[in-house]
C-alpha atoms as a PDB file:
ATOM      1  CA  MET A   1      -0.018   0.034  -0.394  1.00  0.00           C
ATOM      2  CA  GLY A   2       1.426   3.361  -0.906  1.00  0.00           C
ATOM      3  CA  PRO A   3       1.019   6.205   1.544  1.00  0.00           C
ATOM      4  CA  ALA A   4      -2.651   7.880   1.675  1.00  0.00           C
ATOM      5  CA  PRO A   5      -3.065  11.228  -0.173  1.00  0.00           C
ATOM      6  CA  ARG A   6      -2.367  14.298   1.727  1.00  0.00           C
ATOM      7  CA  SER A   7      -5.291  16.750   1.698  1.00  0.00           C
ATOM      8  CA  PRO A   8      -5.537  20.043  -1.402  1.00  0.00           C
ATOM      9  CA  ASP A   9      -4.555  22.521   2.366  1.00  0.00           C
ATOM     10  CA  THR A  10      -1.688  20.301   2.354  1.00  0.00           C
ATOM     11  CA  GLU A  11      -0.606  19.569  -0.656  1.00  0.00           C
ATOM     12  CA  ALA A  12      -0.165  23.458  -0.684  1.00  0.00           C
ATOM     13  CA  LEU A  13       1.342  24.237   2.597  1.00  0.00           C
ATOM     14  CA  ALA A  14       4.352  21.570   1.155  1.00  0.00           C
ATOM     15  CA  LEU A  15       4.343  24.098  -1.740  1.00  0.00           C
ATOM     16  CA  ILE A  16       4.693  27.186  -0.069  1.00  0.00           C
ATOM     17  CA  GLY A  17       7.345  25.776   1.835  1.00  0.00           C
ATOM     18  CA  ILE A  18       9.249  24.401  -1.185  1.00  0.00           C
ATOM     19  CA  ALA A  19       8.776  27.869  -3.135  1.00  0.00           C
ATOM     20  CA  ALA A  20      10.135  29.014   0.415  1.00  0.00           C
ATOM     21  CA  ARG A  21      13.755  27.133   0.160  1.00  0.00           C
ATOM     22  CA  ALA A  22      13.695  28.004  -3.092  1.00  0.00           C
ATOM     23  CA  GLY A  23      14.132  31.187  -2.024  1.00  0.00           C
ATOM     24  CA  ALA A  24      10.706  32.561  -3.963  1.00  0.00           C
ATOM     25  CA  ILE A  25       8.565  33.586  -1.304  1.00  0.00           C
ATOM     26  CA  VAL A  26       8.693  36.663   1.068  1.00  0.00           C
ATOM     27  CA  PHE A  27       6.294  37.400   3.601  1.00  0.00           C
ATOM     28  CA  GLY A  28       5.177  40.237   6.173  1.00  0.00           C
ATOM     29  CA  THR A  29       3.471  42.356   4.734  1.00  0.00           C
ATOM     30  CA  GLN A  30       6.296  44.903   4.730  1.00  0.00           C
ATOM     31  CA  ARG A  31       8.280  42.727   2.289  1.00  0.00           C
ATOM     32  CA  VAL A  32       5.116  41.259   0.519  1.00  0.00           C
ATOM     33  CA  ARG A  33       4.476  45.844  -0.155  1.00  0.00           C
ATOM     34  CA  GLU A  34       7.477  46.261  -1.440  1.00  0.00           C
ATOM     35  CA  ALA A  35       8.369  43.034  -3.434  1.00  0.00           C
ATOM     36  CA  SER A  36       4.701  44.444  -5.050  1.00  0.00           C
ATOM     37  CA  ARG A  37       5.551  47.982  -5.707  1.00  0.00           C
ATOM     38  CA  ASP A  38       8.439  46.330  -6.899  1.00  0.00           C
ATOM     39  CA  GLY A  39       6.948  44.273  -9.475  1.00  0.00           C
ATOM     40  CA  LEU A  40       8.251  41.112  -8.190  1.00  0.00           C
ATOM     41  CA  LEU A  41       5.099  39.406  -6.982  1.00  0.00           C
ATOM     42  CA  HIS A  42       2.448  36.299  -9.055  1.00  0.00           C
ATOM     43  CA  LEU A  43       0.920  35.668  -6.402  1.00  0.00           C
ATOM     44  CA  ALA A  44      -0.001  37.074  -2.092  1.00  0.00           C
ATOM     45  CA  ILE A  45      -1.662  34.763   0.431  1.00  0.00           C
ATOM     46  CA  ILE A  46      -3.145  36.628   3.326  1.00  0.00           C
ATOM     47  CA  ALA A  47      -3.644  34.542   6.926  1.00  0.00           C
ATOM     48  CA  THR A  48      -7.995  34.135   7.363  1.00  0.00           C
ATOM     49  CA  ASP A  49      -6.894  35.621  11.147  1.00  0.00           C
ATOM     50  CA  ALA A  50      -4.389  38.357   9.736  1.00  0.00           C
ATOM     51  CA  ALA A  51      -5.464  42.090  11.377  1.00  0.00           C
ATOM     52  CA  ALA A  52      -7.358  44.080   9.591  1.00  0.00           C
ATOM     53  CA  ASN A  53      -4.365  47.053  10.205  1.00  0.00           C
ATOM     54  CA  SER A  54      -1.775  43.289   8.217  1.00  0.00           C
ATOM     55  CA  VAL A  55      -5.035  43.093   5.312  1.00  0.00           C
ATOM     56  CA  ASP A  56      -6.036  47.286   5.341  1.00  0.00           C
ATOM     57  CA  ARG A  57      -2.097  47.626   4.464  1.00  0.00           C
ATOM     58  CA  VAL A  58      -1.820  45.378   2.069  1.00  0.00           C
ATOM     59  CA  VAL A  59      -4.820  44.558  -0.036  1.00  0.00           C
ATOM     60  CA  PRO A  60      -4.815  47.750  -1.793  1.00  0.00           C
ATOM     61  CA  ALA A  61      -1.094  47.655  -2.301  1.00  0.00           C
ATOM     62  CA  LEU A  62      -1.824  44.124  -4.135  1.00  0.00           C
ATOM     63  CA  GLN A  63      -4.766  44.992  -6.099  1.00  0.00           C
ATOM     64  CA  ALA A  64      -3.282  48.427  -7.330  1.00  0.00           C
ATOM     65  CA  ARG A  65      -0.143  46.470  -9.278  1.00  0.00           C
ATOM     66  CA  GLY A  66      -2.613  43.733 -10.445  1.00  0.00           C
ATOM     67  CA  VAL A  67      -1.050  40.656  -8.226  1.00  0.00           C
ATOM     68  CA  PRO A  68      -3.899  38.226  -7.697  1.00  0.00           C
ATOM     69  CA  VAL A  69      -4.612  38.105  -3.788  1.00  0.00           C
ATOM     70  CA  ALA A  70      -6.131  34.737  -1.325  1.00  0.00           C
ATOM     71  CA  ALA A  71      -6.984  34.593   2.007  1.00  0.00           C
ATOM     72  CA  ALA A  72      -5.730  30.619   3.199  1.00  0.00           C
ATOM     73  CA  PHE A  73      -4.462  28.952   6.543  1.00  0.00           C
ATOM     74  CA  ASP A  74      -4.080  30.759   9.324  1.00  0.00           C
ATOM     75  CA  ARG A  75      -0.787  32.909  10.731  1.00  0.00           C
ATOM     76  CA  ASP A  76       0.805  29.627  12.648  1.00  0.00           C
ATOM     77  CA  ARG A  77      -0.085  27.331   9.362  1.00  0.00           C
ATOM     78  CA  LEU A  78       1.169  30.663   7.241  1.00  0.00           C
ATOM     79  CA  GLY A  79       4.667  30.415   9.073  1.00  0.00           C
ATOM     80  CA  ALA A  80       5.132  27.378   9.755  1.00  0.00           C
ATOM     81  CA  ALA A  81       4.955  25.778   6.252  1.00  0.00           C
ATOM     82  CA  ILE A  82       8.049  28.460   5.837  1.00  0.00           C
ATOM     83  CA  GLY A  83       9.901  27.502   8.897  1.00  0.00           C
ATOM     84  CA  ARG A  84       8.974  30.920  10.528  1.00  0.00           C
ATOM     85  CA  ALA A  85       6.930  31.850  13.265  1.00  0.00           C
ATOM     86  CA  PRO A  86       3.074  33.186  12.169  1.00  0.00           C
ATOM     87  CA  VAL A  87       2.923  35.423   9.508  1.00  0.00           C
ATOM     88  CA  SER A  88      -0.002  37.511   8.347  1.00  0.00           C
ATOM     89  CA  ALA A  89       0.974  37.916   5.217  1.00  0.00           C
ATOM     90  CA  ILE A  90       3.345  35.669   1.963  1.00  0.00           C
ATOM     91  CA  GLY A  91       4.333  36.931  -2.057  1.00  0.00           C
ATOM     92  CA  VAL A  92       5.301  34.292  -4.462  1.00  0.00           C
ATOM     93  CA  THR A  93       7.952  35.277  -6.768  1.00  0.00           C
ATOM     94  CA  ASP A  94       8.115  32.505  -8.963  1.00  0.00           C
ATOM     95  CA  GLY A  95       5.666  32.480 -11.448  1.00  0.00           C
ATOM     96  CA  ASN A  96       5.472  28.745 -11.803  1.00  0.00           C
ATOM     97  CA  LEU A  97       4.961  28.987  -7.959  1.00  0.00           C
ATOM     98  CA  ALA A  98       2.088  30.770  -8.075  1.00  0.00           C
ATOM     99  CA  ARG A  99      -0.058  29.648 -11.340  1.00  0.00           C
ATOM    100  CA  ARG A 100       0.157  25.669  -9.801  1.00  0.00           C
ATOM    101  CA  LEU A 101      -0.521  27.543  -5.452  1.00  0.00           C
ATOM    102  CA  ASN A 102      -3.483  30.261  -7.619  1.00  0.00           C
ATOM    103  CA  GLY A 103      -4.915  27.143  -8.619  1.00  0.00           C
ATOM    104  CA  MET A 104      -4.795  24.705  -5.179  1.00  0.00           C
ATOM    105  CA  LEU A 105      -6.399  27.467  -3.581  1.00  0.00           C
ATOM    106  CA  ASP A 106      -9.589  28.098  -3.535  1.00  0.00           C
ATOM    107  CA  GLN A 107     -11.037  30.432  -5.774  1.00  0.00           C
ATOM    108  CA  GLY A 108     -13.763  31.674  -4.576  1.00  0.00           C
ATOM    109  CA  SER A 109     -10.727  33.468  -1.343  1.00  0.00           C
ATOM    110  CA  GLU A 110     -10.920  36.422  -2.770  1.00  0.00           C
ATOM    111  CA  ILE A 111      -9.841  38.864  -0.019  1.00  0.00           C
ATOM    112  CA  GLU A 112     -11.078  42.418   0.035  1.00  0.00           C
ATOM    113  CA  PRO A 113      -9.798  45.179   3.054  1.00  0.00           C
ATOM    114  CA  ARG A 114     -12.485  46.100   5.492  1.00  0.00           C
ATOM    115  CA  ARG A 115     -13.816  49.305   5.642  1.00  0.00           C
ATOM    116  CA  ARG A 116     -13.093  51.580   8.998  1.00  0.00           C
ATOM    117  CA  ARG A 117     -16.521  52.743  11.018  1.00  0.00           C
ATOM    118  CA  ASP A 118     -15.379  56.505   8.949  1.00  0.00           C
ATOM    119  CA  GLY A 119     -15.973  55.121   5.653  1.00  0.00           C
ATOM    120  CA  ARG A 120     -12.913  55.154   4.505  1.00  0.00           C
END
């Protein structure tokens, strides 16, 4: 008997880990914003439990640059996948890895910035 099949989440996290070891991942909201501004990103993944402030800072910058954004995994799992402490955002700089990951992630997982109470 072969190994049990892995879940899509497990496969995606494993691919994120491979991308990190290959140097094709930037992590943290500030680094993701900078890489987006520099035109290096092909995909951004925002943790599902990222703070509203983090989401509000990074998502508009990504959307302005046309970078696909997905909400997936919590901060702990996203950080563990890249061998780090919990992280709110990662960016994928390799186009092929980004396409594979994007295909694995739930297509309904796009994230929008949250509105402040004053409507801005």
